[in-house]
Amino acid sequence: MNRSIAFFDFDGTITRKDTMLELIRFHCGTLKFYTGFIVLAPYLLMMKAGLVTNQFAKEKMLAYFFGGMTLDVFNDVCHQFSKTIIPTLIRPLALDKIRELQETGTEVVLVSASAENWLRDWCVTMNITLLATILEVKDGKITGNLVGLNCHGKEKVVRIQQRYDLKDYTDISCFGDTGGDKPMLALAQHSYYKPFR
């Protein structure tokens, strides 16, 4: 039996903007958004210089904007963001491709460094499987830390291989837009880099 599967990055591939940044802007407003990035600038500069990891800088950002927020409140913010903002960020050609693949019986999987909290609702609506970064929760509150590794770069391949035996598939496609997607793209017979403009 022929089986096909397609793995998509989300931010920048399916969307026009980074959804974590847009979530922060949505929740905090423009002034706190920019104020926060002034405070966080040293970590972001160190990341750009290769002195700290992407995960370290991401955790600092999440802790600054969401640390101490209860999970229920955070998930409600994510639900509203998914409902009202994410649809405005989707690239139409990406949406067309997803639907085209699904119509041929291809399983579509979203593999994202963004957290599952703000991607889950959209994936359920689209009938897409989700593999994403997991946020740490302690005493019912967001800490800003991640559970395990950020779902980025080689970790995308790890997550895929934990969930799927790719030998079971006769056709594998991957879609991405940054260097962090290249390990995932290497899994596919058909890889597409920055395919949707």
N, C-alpha and C. Protein backbone atom coordinates (compact mmCIF):
# COMPACT_ATOMS: atom_id res chain seq x y z
N MET A 1 0.84 -1.21 0.00
CA MET A 1 0.00 0.00 0.00
C MET A 1 0.87 1.25 0.00
N ASN A 2 0.62 2.16 -0.93
CA ASN A 2 1.37 3.41 -0.98
C ASN A 2 0.87 4.37 0.10
N ARG A 3 1.81 4.91 0.86
CA ARG A 3 1.46 5.87 1.89
C ARG A 3 2.33 7.10 1.70
N SER A 4 1.72 8.26 1.86
CA SER A 4 2.48 9.50 1.70
C SER A 4 2.28 10.38 2.92
N ILE A 5 3.32 11.16 3.21
CA ILE A 5 3.29 12.05 4.36
C ILE A 5 4.04 13.32 4.00
N ALA A 6 3.59 14.44 4.55
CA ALA A 6 4.22 15.73 4.28
C ALA A 6 4.45 16.46 5.60
N PHE A 7 5.67 16.90 5.81
CA PHE A 7 6.05 17.64 7.01
C PHE A 7 6.24 19.11 6.66
N PHE A 8 5.56 19.98 7.42
CA PHE A 8 5.63 21.42 7.19
C PHE A 8 6.18 22.13 8.41
N ASP A 9 7.14 23.02 8.19
CA ASP A 9 7.45 24.06 9.17
C ASP A 9 6.27 25.04 9.17
N PHE A 10 6.12 25.81 10.25
CA PHE A 10 5.00 26.74 10.34
C PHE A 10 5.43 28.18 10.12
N ASP A 11 6.20 28.72 11.05
CA ASP A 11 6.55 30.14 11.01
C ASP A 11 7.44 30.47 9.82
N GLY A 12 6.94 31.33 8.96
CA GLY A 12 7.69 31.73 7.78
C GLY A 12 7.43 30.86 6.57
N THR A 13 7.01 29.63 6.79
CA THR A 13 6.69 28.72 5.68
C THR A 13 5.20 28.79 5.38
N ILE A 14 4.38 28.48 6.38
CA ILE A 14 2.93 28.57 6.22
C ILE A 14 2.46 30.00 6.53
N THR A 15 3.15 30.65 7.47
CA THR A 15 2.76 32.01 7.86
C THR A 15 3.71 33.06 7.29
N ARG A 16 3.23 34.30 7.30
CA ARG A 16 4.05 35.43 6.84
C ARG A 16 4.94 35.99 7.94
N LYS A 17 4.62 35.66 9.20
CA LYS A 17 5.37 36.23 10.33
C LYS A 17 5.61 35.16 11.39
N ASP A 18 6.51 35.46 12.30
CA ASP A 18 6.80 34.57 13.42
C ASP A 18 5.65 34.65 14.42
N THR A 19 5.01 33.52 14.70
CA THR A 19 3.81 33.58 15.53
C THR A 19 4.11 33.81 17.00
N MET A 20 5.29 33.44 17.48
CA MET A 20 5.58 33.75 18.88
C MET A 20 5.66 35.26 19.09
N LEU A 21 6.29 35.95 18.18
CA LEU A 21 6.36 37.41 18.29
C LEU A 21 4.98 38.03 18.17
N GLU A 22 4.18 37.49 17.27
CA GLU A 22 2.83 38.03 17.09
C GLU A 22 1.95 37.74 18.30
N LEU A 23 2.15 36.59 18.94
CA LEU A 23 1.41 36.28 20.17
C LEU A 23 1.77 37.26 21.27
N ILE A 24 3.05 37.57 21.40
CA ILE A 24 3.49 38.53 22.42
C ILE A 24 2.86 39.90 22.16
N ARG A 25 2.90 40.34 20.90
CA ARG A 25 2.30 41.63 20.55
C ARG A 25 0.79 41.62 20.82
N PHE A 26 0.13 40.51 20.49
CA PHE A 26 -1.31 40.35 20.69
C PHE A 26 -1.67 40.46 22.17
N HIS A 27 -0.88 39.80 23.02
CA HIS A 27 -1.20 39.78 24.45
C HIS A 27 -0.75 41.04 25.18
N CYS A 28 0.43 41.53 24.85
CA CYS A 28 1.05 42.60 25.64
C CYS A 28 0.80 44.00 25.09
N GLY A 29 0.51 44.11 23.82
CA GLY A 29 0.39 45.41 23.20
C GLY A 29 1.74 45.89 22.68
N THR A 30 1.70 46.88 21.82
CA THR A 30 2.92 47.31 21.12
C THR A 30 3.96 47.90 22.06
N LEU A 31 3.55 48.73 23.03
CA LEU A 31 4.52 49.38 23.92
C LEU A 31 5.29 48.36 24.74
N LYS A 32 4.59 47.44 25.41
CA LYS A 32 5.28 46.43 26.21
C LYS A 32 6.09 45.49 25.33
N PHE A 33 5.61 45.25 24.12
CA PHE A 33 6.35 44.42 23.16
C PHE A 33 7.74 45.01 22.91
N TYR A 34 7.79 46.28 22.56
CA TYR A 34 9.08 46.91 22.25
C TYR A 34 9.92 47.14 23.50
N THR A 35 9.28 47.47 24.60
CA THR A 35 10.02 47.64 25.86
C THR A 35 10.70 46.33 26.25
N GLY A 36 9.95 45.25 26.11
CA GLY A 36 10.51 43.94 26.44
C GLY A 36 11.70 43.59 25.59
N PHE A 37 11.65 43.93 24.33
CA PHE A 37 12.78 43.58 23.46
C PHE A 37 14.00 44.44 23.72
N ILE A 38 13.79 45.63 24.26
CA ILE A 38 14.94 46.43 24.70
C ILE A 38 15.61 45.74 25.90
N VAL A 39 14.78 45.28 26.84
CA VAL A 39 15.31 44.57 28.01
C VAL A 39 16.02 43.28 27.60
N LEU A 40 15.44 42.58 26.63
CA LEU A 40 15.96 41.28 26.21
C LEU A 40 17.08 41.38 25.18
N ALA A 41 17.38 42.57 24.70
CA ALA A 41 18.34 42.75 23.62
C ALA A 41 19.69 42.07 23.87
N PRO A 42 20.26 42.12 25.09
CA PRO A 42 21.55 41.44 25.30
C PRO A 42 21.50 39.95 24.98
N TYR A 43 20.41 39.27 25.36
CA TYR A 43 20.29 37.84 25.09
C TYR A 43 20.15 37.58 23.59
N LEU A 44 19.40 38.44 22.92
CA LEU A 44 19.19 38.26 21.48
C LEU A 44 20.48 38.51 20.71
N LEU A 45 21.25 39.50 21.15
CA LEU A 45 22.54 39.77 20.50
C LEU A 45 23.52 38.63 20.74
N MET A 46 23.51 38.07 21.94
CA MET A 46 24.39 36.93 22.23
C MET A 46 24.01 35.72 21.39
N MET A 47 22.70 35.54 21.17
CA MET A 47 22.25 34.44 20.32
C MET A 47 22.75 34.64 18.89
N LYS A 48 22.59 35.86 18.37
CA LYS A 48 23.04 36.15 17.01
C LYS A 48 24.54 35.93 16.86
N ALA A 49 25.28 36.21 17.94
CA ALA A 49 26.73 36.04 17.91
C ALA A 49 27.16 34.59 18.16
N GLY A 50 26.21 33.73 18.45
CA GLY A 50 26.54 32.33 18.70
C GLY A 50 27.05 32.05 20.10
N LEU A 51 26.85 33.00 21.01
CA LEU A 51 27.34 32.84 22.38
C LEU A 51 26.37 32.07 23.26
N VAL A 52 25.09 32.12 22.92
CA VAL A 52 24.08 31.33 23.64
C VAL A 52 23.19 30.66 22.59
N THR A 53 22.48 29.63 23.01
CA THR A 53 21.64 28.90 22.07
C THR A 53 20.33 29.62 21.79
N ASN A 54 19.72 29.22 20.71
CA ASN A 54 18.37 29.69 20.37
C ASN A 54 17.42 29.39 21.52
N GLN A 55 17.57 28.21 22.13
CA GLN A 55 16.68 27.83 23.22
C GLN A 55 16.85 28.73 24.43
N PHE A 56 18.08 29.06 24.76
CA PHE A 56 18.35 29.93 25.92
C PHE A 56 17.65 31.28 25.73
N ALA A 57 17.83 31.89 24.56
CA ALA A 57 17.21 33.19 24.30
C ALA A 57 15.69 33.09 24.28
N LYS A 58 15.18 31.99 23.73
CA LYS A 58 13.74 31.79 23.67
C LYS A 58 13.14 31.67 25.07
N GLU A 59 13.82 30.93 25.93
CA GLU A 59 13.33 30.77 27.31
C GLU A 59 13.33 32.10 28.05
N LYS A 60 14.35 32.92 27.83
CA LYS A 60 14.38 34.23 28.46
C LYS A 60 13.20 35.08 28.00
N MET A 61 12.89 34.99 26.71
CA MET A 61 11.78 35.76 26.15
C MET A 61 10.44 35.28 26.70
N LEU A 62 10.24 33.97 26.72
CA LEU A 62 8.99 33.41 27.23
C LEU A 62 8.81 33.73 28.72
N ALA A 63 9.91 33.65 29.48
CA ALA A 63 9.82 33.95 30.90
C ALA A 63 9.48 35.42 31.15
N TYR A 64 10.05 36.30 30.33
CA TYR A 64 9.80 37.73 30.51
C TYR A 64 8.34 38.07 30.24
N PHE A 65 7.80 37.55 29.16
CA PHE A 65 6.45 37.94 28.76
C PHE A 65 5.34 37.09 29.38
N PHE A 66 5.65 35.81 29.69
CA PHE A 66 4.58 34.92 30.14
C PHE A 66 4.88 34.19 31.45
N GLY A 67 6.08 34.33 31.98
CA GLY A 67 6.44 33.63 33.20
C GLY A 67 5.52 33.98 34.36
N GLY A 68 5.01 32.97 35.06
CA GLY A 68 4.11 33.17 36.18
C GLY A 68 2.64 33.20 35.80
N MET A 69 2.34 33.24 34.51
CA MET A 69 0.94 33.21 34.07
C MET A 69 0.39 31.80 34.27
N THR A 70 -0.84 31.70 34.75
CA THR A 70 -1.42 30.38 34.92
C THR A 70 -1.64 29.74 33.55
N LEU A 71 -1.56 28.42 33.53
CA LEU A 71 -1.72 27.70 32.27
C LEU A 71 -3.09 27.97 31.66
N ASP A 72 -4.13 28.03 32.50
CA ASP A 72 -5.48 28.27 31.98
C ASP A 72 -5.57 29.62 31.28
N VAL A 73 -5.01 30.63 31.90
CA VAL A 73 -5.04 31.97 31.29
C VAL A 73 -4.21 31.98 30.01
N PHE A 74 -3.04 31.39 30.06
CA PHE A 74 -2.17 31.35 28.88
C PHE A 74 -2.86 30.63 27.73
N ASN A 75 -3.46 29.48 28.02
CA ASN A 75 -4.15 28.74 26.96
C ASN A 75 -5.34 29.51 26.40
N ASP A 76 -5.99 30.29 27.25
CA ASP A 76 -7.09 31.12 26.74
C ASP A 76 -6.57 32.20 25.79
N VAL A 77 -5.44 32.81 26.16
CA VAL A 77 -4.81 33.79 25.27
C VAL A 77 -4.45 33.11 23.94
N CYS A 78 -3.87 31.92 24.02
CA CYS A 78 -3.47 31.19 22.81
C CYS A 78 -4.68 30.83 21.96
N HIS A 79 -5.78 30.46 22.60
CA HIS A 79 -7.00 30.12 21.87
C HIS A 79 -7.52 31.34 21.10
N GLN A 80 -7.56 32.49 21.77
CA GLN A 80 -8.03 33.71 21.11
C GLN A 80 -7.09 34.12 19.98
N PHE A 81 -5.80 33.96 20.20
CA PHE A 81 -4.80 34.28 19.17
C PHE A 81 -4.99 33.37 17.96
N SER A 82 -5.16 32.08 18.22
CA SER A 82 -5.35 31.12 17.13
C SER A 82 -6.61 31.41 16.33
N LYS A 83 -7.63 31.83 17.04
CA LYS A 83 -8.93 32.08 16.40
C LYS A 83 -8.94 33.37 15.58
N THR A 84 -8.28 34.41 16.10
CA THR A 84 -8.42 35.73 15.48
C THR A 84 -7.21 36.18 14.66
N ILE A 85 -6.00 35.77 15.06
CA ILE A 85 -4.80 36.30 14.42
C ILE A 85 -4.16 35.32 13.44
N ILE A 86 -4.02 34.06 13.83
CA ILE A 86 -3.33 33.11 12.95
C ILE A 86 -3.94 33.06 11.55
N PRO A 87 -5.27 33.05 11.41
CA PRO A 87 -5.82 33.00 10.03
C PRO A 87 -5.37 34.17 9.16
N THR A 88 -5.07 35.31 9.77
CA THR A 88 -4.64 36.48 9.00
C THR A 88 -3.17 36.38 8.58
N LEU A 89 -2.44 35.45 9.17
CA LEU A 89 -1.01 35.31 8.89
C LEU A 89 -0.69 34.22 7.87
N ILE A 90 -1.69 33.40 7.53
CA ILE A 90 -1.46 32.24 6.68
C ILE A 90 -1.23 32.65 5.23
N ARG A 91 -0.22 32.05 4.61
CA ARG A 91 0.03 32.26 3.19
C ARG A 91 -0.99 31.46 2.38
N PRO A 92 -1.76 32.09 1.50
CA PRO A 92 -2.79 31.37 0.75
C PRO A 92 -2.25 30.18 -0.04
N LEU A 93 -1.07 30.31 -0.64
CA LEU A 93 -0.52 29.21 -1.43
C LEU A 93 -0.16 28.01 -0.55
N ALA A 94 0.26 28.29 0.68
CA ALA A 94 0.55 27.19 1.62
C ALA A 94 -0.72 26.46 1.98
N LEU A 95 -1.77 27.22 2.24
CA LEU A 95 -3.06 26.62 2.57
C LEU A 95 -3.58 25.77 1.41
N ASP A 96 -3.43 26.27 0.20
CA ASP A 96 -3.85 25.51 -0.98
C ASP A 96 -3.08 24.20 -1.08
N LYS A 97 -1.78 24.24 -0.82
CA LYS A 97 -0.96 23.04 -0.92
C LYS A 97 -1.36 22.01 0.14
N ILE A 98 -1.60 22.46 1.35
CA ILE A 98 -2.03 21.55 2.41
C ILE A 98 -3.33 20.85 2.02
N ARG A 99 -4.27 21.62 1.54
CA ARG A 99 -5.56 21.03 1.15
C ARG A 99 -5.41 20.08 -0.03
N GLU A 100 -4.56 20.44 -0.96
CA GLU A 100 -4.30 19.57 -2.12
C GLU A 100 -3.73 18.23 -1.67
N LEU A 101 -2.76 18.28 -0.76
CA LEU A 101 -2.15 17.05 -0.25
C LEU A 101 -3.18 16.20 0.50
N GLN A 102 -3.97 16.84 1.33
CA GLN A 102 -4.97 16.10 2.09
C GLN A 102 -5.99 15.43 1.18
N GLU A 103 -6.33 16.09 0.09
CA GLU A 103 -7.29 15.51 -0.84
C GLU A 103 -6.76 14.26 -1.53
N THR A 104 -5.43 14.13 -1.60
CA THR A 104 -4.83 12.93 -2.20
C THR A 104 -4.56 11.84 -1.16
N GLY A 105 -4.96 12.09 0.09
CA GLY A 105 -4.76 11.10 1.14
C GLY A 105 -3.44 11.21 1.87
N THR A 106 -2.68 12.27 1.61
CA THR A 106 -1.40 12.47 2.28
C THR A 106 -1.63 12.95 3.71
N GLU A 107 -0.93 12.34 4.65
CA GLU A 107 -0.99 12.82 6.03
C GLU A 107 -0.12 14.07 6.14
N VAL A 108 -0.66 15.13 6.69
CA VAL A 108 0.07 16.39 6.84
C VAL A 108 0.43 16.59 8.31
N VAL A 109 1.71 16.89 8.55
CA VAL A 109 2.23 17.04 9.91
C VAL A 109 2.92 18.40 10.03
N LEU A 110 2.56 19.15 11.05
CA LEU A 110 3.22 20.41 11.34
C LEU A 110 4.34 20.15 12.35
N VAL A 111 5.56 20.58 12.02
CA VAL A 111 6.72 20.38 12.89
C VAL A 111 7.30 21.76 13.17
N SER A 112 7.08 22.25 14.39
CA SER A 112 7.35 23.67 14.65
C SER A 112 8.09 23.93 15.95
N ALA A 113 8.96 24.95 15.89
CA ALA A 113 9.63 25.42 17.11
C ALA A 113 8.69 26.25 17.97
N SER A 114 7.59 26.72 17.41
CA SER A 114 6.58 27.40 18.23
C SER A 114 5.94 26.40 19.17
N ALA A 115 5.35 26.90 20.24
CA ALA A 115 4.78 26.01 21.25
C ALA A 115 3.44 25.45 20.80
N GLU A 116 3.17 24.23 21.23
CA GLU A 116 1.93 23.57 20.86
C GLU A 116 0.70 24.34 21.35
N ASN A 117 0.85 25.12 22.40
CA ASN A 117 -0.30 25.83 23.00
C ASN A 117 -1.01 26.72 22.00
N TRP A 118 -0.26 27.46 21.17
CA TRP A 118 -0.94 28.38 20.24
C TRP A 118 -1.08 27.82 18.83
N LEU A 119 -0.58 26.60 18.62
CA LEU A 119 -0.75 25.96 17.31
C LEU A 119 -1.84 24.90 17.32
N ARG A 120 -2.15 24.38 18.50
CA ARG A 120 -3.03 23.21 18.61
C ARG A 120 -4.40 23.43 17.97
N ASP A 121 -5.04 24.55 18.30
CA ASP A 121 -6.39 24.80 17.78
C ASP A 121 -6.42 24.86 16.26
N TRP A 122 -5.44 25.55 15.68
CA TRP A 122 -5.39 25.66 14.22
C TRP A 122 -5.18 24.29 13.59
N CYS A 123 -4.32 23.48 14.18
CA CYS A 123 -4.06 22.14 13.64
C CYS A 123 -5.30 21.25 13.73
N VAL A 124 -6.02 21.35 14.82
CA VAL A 124 -7.26 20.58 14.95
C VAL A 124 -8.25 20.99 13.86
N THR A 125 -8.39 22.29 13.66
CA THR A 125 -9.30 22.80 12.63
C THR A 125 -8.91 22.29 11.24
N MET A 126 -7.61 22.19 11.00
CA MET A 126 -7.10 21.80 9.69
C MET A 126 -6.90 20.30 9.54
N ASN A 127 -7.15 19.54 10.62
CA ASN A 127 -6.92 18.09 10.61
C ASN A 127 -5.45 17.76 10.31
N ILE A 128 -4.58 18.47 11.02
CA ILE A 128 -3.13 18.32 10.86
C ILE A 128 -2.55 17.80 12.16
N THR A 129 -1.64 16.84 12.07
CA THR A 129 -0.92 16.35 13.24
C THR A 129 0.12 17.39 13.67
N LEU A 130 0.31 17.55 14.97
CA LEU A 130 1.22 18.58 15.49
C LEU A 130 2.37 17.98 16.27
N LEU A 131 3.59 18.38 15.88
CA LEU A 131 4.81 18.12 16.66
C LEU A 131 5.43 19.48 16.92
N ALA A 132 5.51 19.88 18.18
CA ALA A 132 5.95 21.26 18.47
C ALA A 132 6.68 21.32 19.80
N THR A 133 7.23 22.49 20.07
CA THR A 133 7.90 22.75 21.34
C THR A 133 6.88 22.67 22.49
N ILE A 134 7.34 22.13 23.61
CA ILE A 134 6.47 21.97 24.78
C ILE A 134 6.96 22.90 25.89
N LEU A 135 6.05 23.66 26.46
CA LEU A 135 6.40 24.60 27.53
C LEU A 135 6.28 23.94 28.90
N GLU A 136 7.22 24.27 29.77
CA GLU A 136 7.20 23.75 31.13
C GLU A 136 6.13 24.46 31.96
N VAL A 137 5.43 23.68 32.75
CA VAL A 137 4.42 24.21 33.67
C VAL A 137 4.73 23.69 35.07
N LYS A 138 4.83 24.58 36.04
CA LYS A 138 5.03 24.19 37.44
C LYS A 138 3.98 24.87 38.30
N ASP A 139 3.36 24.08 39.16
CA ASP A 139 2.30 24.60 40.04
C ASP A 139 1.22 25.33 39.24
N GLY A 140 0.94 24.80 38.05
CA GLY A 140 -0.12 25.36 37.22
C GLY A 140 0.25 26.63 36.49
N LYS A 141 1.55 26.99 36.49
CA LYS A 141 1.96 28.25 35.87
C LYS A 141 3.06 28.04 34.84
N ILE A 142 3.06 28.87 33.82
CA ILE A 142 4.12 28.87 32.80
C ILE A 142 5.41 29.38 33.44
N THR A 143 6.50 28.65 33.24
CA THR A 143 7.78 29.12 33.79
C THR A 143 8.60 29.90 32.77
N GLY A 144 8.37 29.62 31.49
CA GLY A 144 9.21 30.18 30.43
C GLY A 144 10.20 29.17 29.92
N ASN A 145 10.48 28.13 30.72
CA ASN A 145 11.39 27.08 30.27
C ASN A 145 10.67 26.11 29.34
N LEU A 146 11.46 25.34 28.60
CA LEU A 146 10.93 24.32 27.71
C LEU A 146 11.08 22.95 28.33
N VAL A 147 10.21 22.04 27.96
CA VAL A 147 10.36 20.64 28.33
C VAL A 147 11.18 19.97 27.23
N GLY A 148 12.38 19.52 27.56
CA GLY A 148 13.25 18.96 26.52
C GLY A 148 13.80 20.08 25.65
N LEU A 149 14.08 19.73 24.40
CA LEU A 149 14.71 20.68 23.49
C LEU A 149 13.69 21.44 22.65
N ASN A 150 14.09 22.64 22.27
CA ASN A 150 13.32 23.42 21.31
C ASN A 150 13.18 22.60 20.02
N CYS A 151 11.98 22.54 19.45
CA CYS A 151 11.73 21.75 18.24
C CYS A 151 12.24 22.52 17.02
N HIS A 152 13.56 22.51 16.88
CA HIS A 152 14.26 23.34 15.89
C HIS A 152 15.46 22.54 15.39
N GLY A 153 15.82 22.71 14.13
CA GLY A 153 17.01 22.06 13.60
C GLY A 153 16.93 20.54 13.68
N LYS A 154 17.96 19.93 14.21
CA LYS A 154 18.01 18.46 14.30
C LYS A 154 16.93 17.89 15.20
N GLU A 155 16.44 18.71 16.14
CA GLU A 155 15.38 18.22 17.02
C GLU A 155 14.09 17.95 16.23
N LYS A 156 13.89 18.64 15.13
CA LYS A 156 12.72 18.34 14.30
C LYS A 156 12.79 16.91 13.78
N VAL A 157 13.97 16.50 13.37
CA VAL A 157 14.17 15.13 12.88
C VAL A 157 13.94 14.13 14.00
N VAL A 158 14.44 14.43 15.20
CA VAL A 158 14.25 13.56 16.35
C VAL A 158 12.76 13.37 16.63
N ARG A 159 12.01 14.46 16.64
CA ARG A 159 10.57 14.37 16.93
C ARG A 159 9.84 13.54 15.87
N ILE A 160 10.21 13.77 14.62
CA ILE A 160 9.58 13.01 13.53
C ILE A 160 9.88 11.52 13.67
N GLN A 161 11.13 11.19 13.94
CA GLN A 161 11.52 9.78 14.02
C GLN A 161 10.98 9.09 15.27
N GLN A 162 10.72 9.85 16.32
CA GLN A 162 10.07 9.29 17.50
C GLN A 162 8.62 8.92 17.21
N ARG A 163 7.99 9.67 16.33
CA ARG A 163 6.56 9.48 16.06
C ARG A 163 6.28 8.56 14.87
N TYR A 164 7.18 8.59 13.87
CA TYR A 164 6.93 7.88 12.62
C TYR A 164 8.10 6.98 12.25
N ASP A 165 7.77 5.82 11.70
CA ASP A 165 8.76 4.98 11.03
C ASP A 165 8.68 5.33 9.55
N LEU A 166 9.63 6.10 9.08
CA LEU A 166 9.53 6.64 7.72
C LEU A 166 9.65 5.56 6.65
N LYS A 167 10.13 4.37 7.03
CA LYS A 167 10.18 3.26 6.07
C LYS A 167 8.78 2.82 5.68
N ASP A 168 7.78 3.21 6.47
CA ASP A 168 6.39 2.85 6.17
C ASP A 168 5.78 3.72 5.08
N TYR A 169 6.52 4.74 4.65
CA TYR A 169 5.98 5.70 3.68
C TYR A 169 6.74 5.64 2.36
N THR A 170 5.98 5.60 1.28
CA THR A 170 6.60 5.54 -0.05
C THR A 170 6.87 6.93 -0.61
N ASP A 171 6.24 7.94 -0.04
CA ASP A 171 6.42 9.30 -0.54
C ASP A 171 6.48 10.27 0.64
N ILE A 172 7.60 10.98 0.76
CA ILE A 172 7.80 11.92 1.86
C ILE A 172 8.15 13.29 1.28
N SER A 173 7.38 14.30 1.71
CA SER A 173 7.64 15.67 1.30
C SER A 173 7.90 16.53 2.53
N CYS A 174 8.76 17.53 2.38
CA CYS A 174 9.03 18.46 3.48
C CYS A 174 9.06 19.89 2.95
N PHE A 175 8.56 20.80 3.78
CA PHE A 175 8.47 22.21 3.40
C PHE A 175 9.06 23.06 4.53
N GLY A 176 10.02 23.92 4.20
CA GLY A 176 10.62 24.78 5.21
C GLY A 176 11.16 26.06 4.61
N ASP A 177 11.65 26.95 5.49
CA ASP A 177 12.11 28.24 4.98
C ASP A 177 13.38 28.78 5.62
N THR A 178 13.97 28.05 6.57
CA THR A 178 15.20 28.55 7.21
C THR A 178 16.22 27.41 7.33
N GLY A 179 17.42 27.78 7.73
CA GLY A 179 18.44 26.77 7.96
C GLY A 179 18.04 25.76 9.02
N GLY A 180 17.19 26.20 9.97
CA GLY A 180 16.72 25.30 11.01
C GLY A 180 15.82 24.19 10.49
N ASP A 181 15.34 24.34 9.25
CA ASP A 181 14.49 23.31 8.64
C ASP A 181 15.29 22.32 7.78
N LYS A 182 16.54 22.62 7.51
CA LYS A 182 17.29 21.80 6.55
C LYS A 182 17.49 20.36 6.99
N PRO A 183 17.71 20.07 8.29
CA PRO A 183 17.77 18.65 8.68
C PRO A 183 16.47 17.91 8.36
N MET A 184 15.33 18.56 8.58
CA MET A 184 14.05 17.95 8.25
C MET A 184 13.90 17.78 6.74
N LEU A 185 14.29 18.78 5.97
CA LEU A 185 14.18 18.71 4.52
C LEU A 185 14.98 17.54 3.95
N ALA A 186 16.08 17.20 4.63
CA ALA A 186 16.92 16.11 4.15
C ALA A 186 16.26 14.74 4.28
N LEU A 187 15.17 14.65 5.02
CA LEU A 187 14.46 13.38 5.18
C LEU A 187 13.64 13.01 3.95
N ALA A 188 13.36 13.99 3.11
CA ALA A 188 12.32 13.84 2.09
C ALA A 188 12.86 13.46 0.72
N GLN A 189 12.00 12.76 -0.05
CA GLN A 189 12.29 12.61 -1.48
C GLN A 189 12.01 13.92 -2.21
N HIS A 190 11.05 14.68 -1.67
CA HIS A 190 10.65 15.95 -2.29
C HIS A 190 10.76 17.04 -1.23
N SER A 191 11.78 17.87 -1.31
CA SER A 191 11.96 18.94 -0.33
C SER A 191 11.77 20.30 -1.01
N TYR A 192 11.12 21.20 -0.27
CA TYR A 192 10.76 22.50 -0.82
C TYR A 192 11.22 23.58 0.16
N TYR A 193 12.13 24.43 -0.31
CA TYR A 193 12.69 25.48 0.53
C TYR A 193 12.11 26.83 0.09
N LYS A 194 11.46 27.52 1.02
CA LYS A 194 10.77 28.78 0.73
C LYS A 194 9.84 28.65 -0.49
N PRO A 195 8.93 27.69 -0.45
CA PRO A 195 8.11 27.42 -1.63
C PRO A 195 6.93 28.36 -1.84
N PHE A 196 6.52 29.05 -0.78
CA PHE A 196 5.29 29.85 -0.86
C PHE A 196 5.62 31.33 -0.69
N ARG A 197 5.36 32.09 -1.70
CA ARG A 197 5.69 33.52 -1.66
C ARG A 197 4.44 34.37 -1.48
